[in-house]
C-alpha atoms as a PDB file:
ATOM      1  CA  UNK A   1    -107.644 -15.109  14.675  1.00  0.00           C
ATOM      2  CA  UNK A   2    -109.236 -16.298  11.443  1.00  0.00           C
ATOM      3  CA  UNK A   3    -108.767 -20.063  11.331  1.00  0.00           C
ATOM      4  CA  UNK A   4    -106.685 -22.503  13.284  1.00  0.00           C
ATOM      5  CA  UNK A   5    -106.148 -26.073  12.199  1.00  0.00           C
ATOM      6  CA  UNK A   6    -104.780 -28.717  14.521  1.00  0.00           C
ATOM      7  CA  UNK A   7    -104.479 -31.960  12.610  1.00  0.00           C
ATOM      8  CA  UNK A   8    -102.187 -34.038  14.798  1.00  0.00           C
ATOM      9  CA  UNK A   9    -100.502 -33.891  18.157  1.00  0.00           C
ATOM     10  CA  UNK A  10     -96.810 -34.672  18.606  1.00  0.00           C
ATOM     11  CA  UNK A  11     -94.805 -35.220  21.786  1.00  0.00           C
ATOM     12  CA  UNK A  12     -91.777 -33.327  20.506  1.00  0.00           C
ATOM     13  CA  UNK A  13     -91.557 -29.564  19.991  1.00  0.00           C
ATOM     14  CA  UNK A  14     -92.585 -28.498  16.511  1.00  0.00           C
ATOM     15  CA  UNK A  15     -90.666 -26.172  14.204  1.00  0.00           C
ATOM     16  CA  UNK A  16     -92.854 -23.487  12.622  1.00  0.00           C
ATOM     17  CA  UNK A  17     -92.611 -21.149   9.663  1.00  0.00           C
ATOM     18  CA  UNK A  18     -94.467 -17.826   9.737  1.00  0.00           C
ATOM     19  CA  UNK A  19     -95.130 -15.528   6.790  1.00  0.00           C
ATOM     20  CA  UNK A  20     -97.789 -13.642   4.839  1.00  0.00           C
ATOM     21  CA  UNK A  21     -99.943 -15.214   2.144  1.00  0.00           C
ATOM     22  CA  UNK A  22    -101.006 -13.531  -1.102  1.00  0.00           C
ATOM     23  CA  UNK A  23    -104.130 -12.123   0.612  1.00  0.00           C
ATOM     24  CA  UNK A  24    -102.213 -10.458   3.434  1.00  0.00           C
ATOM     25  CA  UNK A  25    -103.057 -13.047   6.128  1.00  0.00           C
ATOM     26  CA  UNK A  26    -100.373 -14.321   8.455  1.00  0.00           C
ATOM     27  CA  UNK A  27     -99.698 -18.035   7.938  1.00  0.00           C
ATOM     28  CA  UNK A  28     -98.245 -20.411  10.524  1.00  0.00           C
ATOM     29  CA  UNK A  29     -97.333 -23.979   9.620  1.00  0.00           C
ATOM     30  CA  UNK A  30     -95.174 -26.659  11.158  1.00  0.00           C
ATOM     31  CA  UNK A  31     -92.481 -28.360   9.097  1.00  0.00           C
ATOM     32  CA  UNK A  32     -94.556 -31.521   8.587  1.00  0.00           C
ATOM     33  CA  UNK A  33     -97.766 -29.776   7.554  1.00  0.00           C
ATOM     34  CA  UNK A  34     -99.732 -31.228  10.470  1.00  0.00           C
ATOM     35  CA  UNK A  35    -100.397 -28.044  12.435  1.00  0.00           C
ATOM     36  CA  UNK A  36    -100.979 -24.463  11.390  1.00  0.00           C
ATOM     37  CA  UNK A  37    -103.422 -21.666  10.793  1.00  0.00           C
ATOM     38  CA  UNK A  38    -104.293 -18.278   9.293  1.00  0.00           C
ATOM     39  CA  UNK A  39    -104.122 -15.162  11.446  1.00  0.00           C
ATOM     40  CA  UNK A  40    -105.019 -11.500  11.047  1.00  0.00           C
ATOM     41  CA  UNK A  41    -101.825 -10.174  12.602  1.00  0.00           C
ATOM     42  CA  UNK A  42     -98.224 -11.215  13.209  1.00  0.00           C
ATOM     43  CA  UNK A  43     -98.569 -11.102  16.999  1.00  0.00           C
ATOM     44  CA  UNK A  44    -101.336 -13.721  17.046  1.00  0.00           C
ATOM     45  CA  UNK A  45     -99.463 -15.908  14.550  1.00  0.00           C
ATOM     46  CA  UNK A  46     -96.306 -15.806  16.657  1.00  0.00           C
ATOM     47  CA  UNK A  47     -98.273 -16.431  19.871  1.00  0.00           C
ATOM     48  CA  UNK A  48     -99.823 -19.565  18.318  1.00  0.00           C
ATOM     49  CA  UNK A  49     -96.459 -20.909  17.094  1.00  0.00           C
ATOM     50  CA  UNK A  50     -94.812 -20.297  20.468  1.00  0.00           C
ATOM     51  CA  UNK A  51     -97.668 -21.967  22.344  1.00  0.00           C
ATOM     52  CA  UNK A  52     -97.617 -25.015  20.056  1.00  0.00           C
ATOM     53  CA  UNK A  53     -93.850 -25.503  20.211  1.00  0.00           C
ATOM     54  CA  UNK A  54     -93.482 -25.149  23.980  1.00  0.00           C
ATOM     55  CA  UNK A  55     -92.308 -21.517  23.949  1.00  0.00           C
ATOM     56  CA  UNK A  56     -89.139 -22.215  21.952  1.00  0.00           C
ATOM     57  CA  UNK A  57     -88.234 -19.126  19.859  1.00  0.00           C
ATOM     58  CA  UNK A  58     -85.409 -21.016  18.091  1.00  0.00           C
ATOM     59  CA  UNK A  59     -88.072 -23.258  16.506  1.00  0.00           C
ATOM     60  CA  UNK A  60     -89.822 -20.363  14.703  1.00  0.00           C
ATOM     61  CA  UNK A  61     -88.647 -19.060  11.319  1.00  0.00           C
ATOM     62  CA  UNK A  62     -89.976 -15.958   9.534  1.00  0.00           C
ATOM     63  CA  UNK A  63     -90.436 -16.622   5.803  1.00  0.00           C
ATOM     64  CA  UNK A  64     -89.795 -13.734   3.384  1.00  0.00           C
ATOM     65  CA  UNK A  65     -92.085 -13.276   0.396  1.00  0.00           C
ATOM     66  CA  UNK A  66     -95.392 -15.074  -0.101  1.00  0.00           C
ATOM     67  CA  UNK A  67     -96.049 -18.071   2.156  1.00  0.00           C
ATOM     68  CA  UNK A  68     -99.258 -20.017   1.494  1.00  0.00           C
ATOM     69  CA  UNK A  69    -100.842 -22.447   3.946  1.00  0.00           C
ATOM     70  CA  UNK A  70    -100.458 -26.002   2.629  1.00  0.00           C
ATOM     71  CA  UNK A  71    -102.144 -28.666   4.742  1.00  0.00           C
ATOM     72  CA  UNK A  72    -101.624 -31.349   2.063  1.00  0.00           C
ATOM     73  CA  UNK A  73     -97.878 -31.688   2.750  1.00  0.00           C
ATOM     74  CA  UNK A  74     -98.307 -34.379   5.399  1.00  0.00           C
ATOM     75  CA  UNK A  75     -96.568 -37.562   4.314  1.00  0.00           C
ATOM     76  CA  UNK A  76     -98.533 -40.678   5.044  1.00  0.00           C
ATOM     77  CA  UNK A  77     -96.916 -43.815   6.417  1.00  0.00           C
ATOM     78  CA  UNK A  78     -97.599 -45.662   3.156  1.00  0.00           C
ATOM     79  CA  UNK A  79     -95.834 -42.934   1.142  1.00  0.00           C
ATOM     80  CA  UNK A  80     -92.809 -43.063   3.468  1.00  0.00           C
ATOM     81  CA  UNK A  81     -92.647 -46.850   3.110  1.00  0.00           C
ATOM     82  CA  UNK A  82     -92.867 -46.569  -0.688  1.00  0.00           C
ATOM     83  CA  UNK A  83     -89.851 -44.234  -0.687  1.00  0.00           C
ATOM     84  CA  UNK A  84     -87.661 -46.695   1.188  1.00  0.00           C
ATOM     85  CA  UNK A  85     -85.327 -49.030  -0.659  1.00  0.00           C
ATOM     86  CA  UNK A  86     -86.850 -52.427  -1.387  1.00  0.00           C
ATOM     87  CA  UNK A  87     -85.494 -55.184   0.809  1.00  0.00           C
ATOM     88  CA  UNK A  88     -83.841 -58.166  -0.812  1.00  0.00           C
ATOM     89  CA  UNK A  89     -85.305 -61.555  -0.093  1.00  0.00           C
ATOM     90  CA  UNK A  90     -82.958 -64.435   0.471  1.00  0.00           C
ATOM     91  CA  UNK A  91     -84.147 -67.853  -0.606  1.00  0.00           C
END
């Protein structure tokens, strides 16, 4: 294993994508960008994803082509609130 990043812990099973980056490393990342890592081989990448998602193979997707690790995808609470429709105030 090269690097493993665990940014946040969730109660629910995570869905993971696995693929190879442009340098030939295996990348694992959850759908929210809160958990993932770089691995030397596919077996270790898959083992990590299965461990993190509670051994649920249906929650792991292999990505074709180049898949780069992106730990900046996490949406903050303030960004989510900004994307919601403004509420009307009644006087």
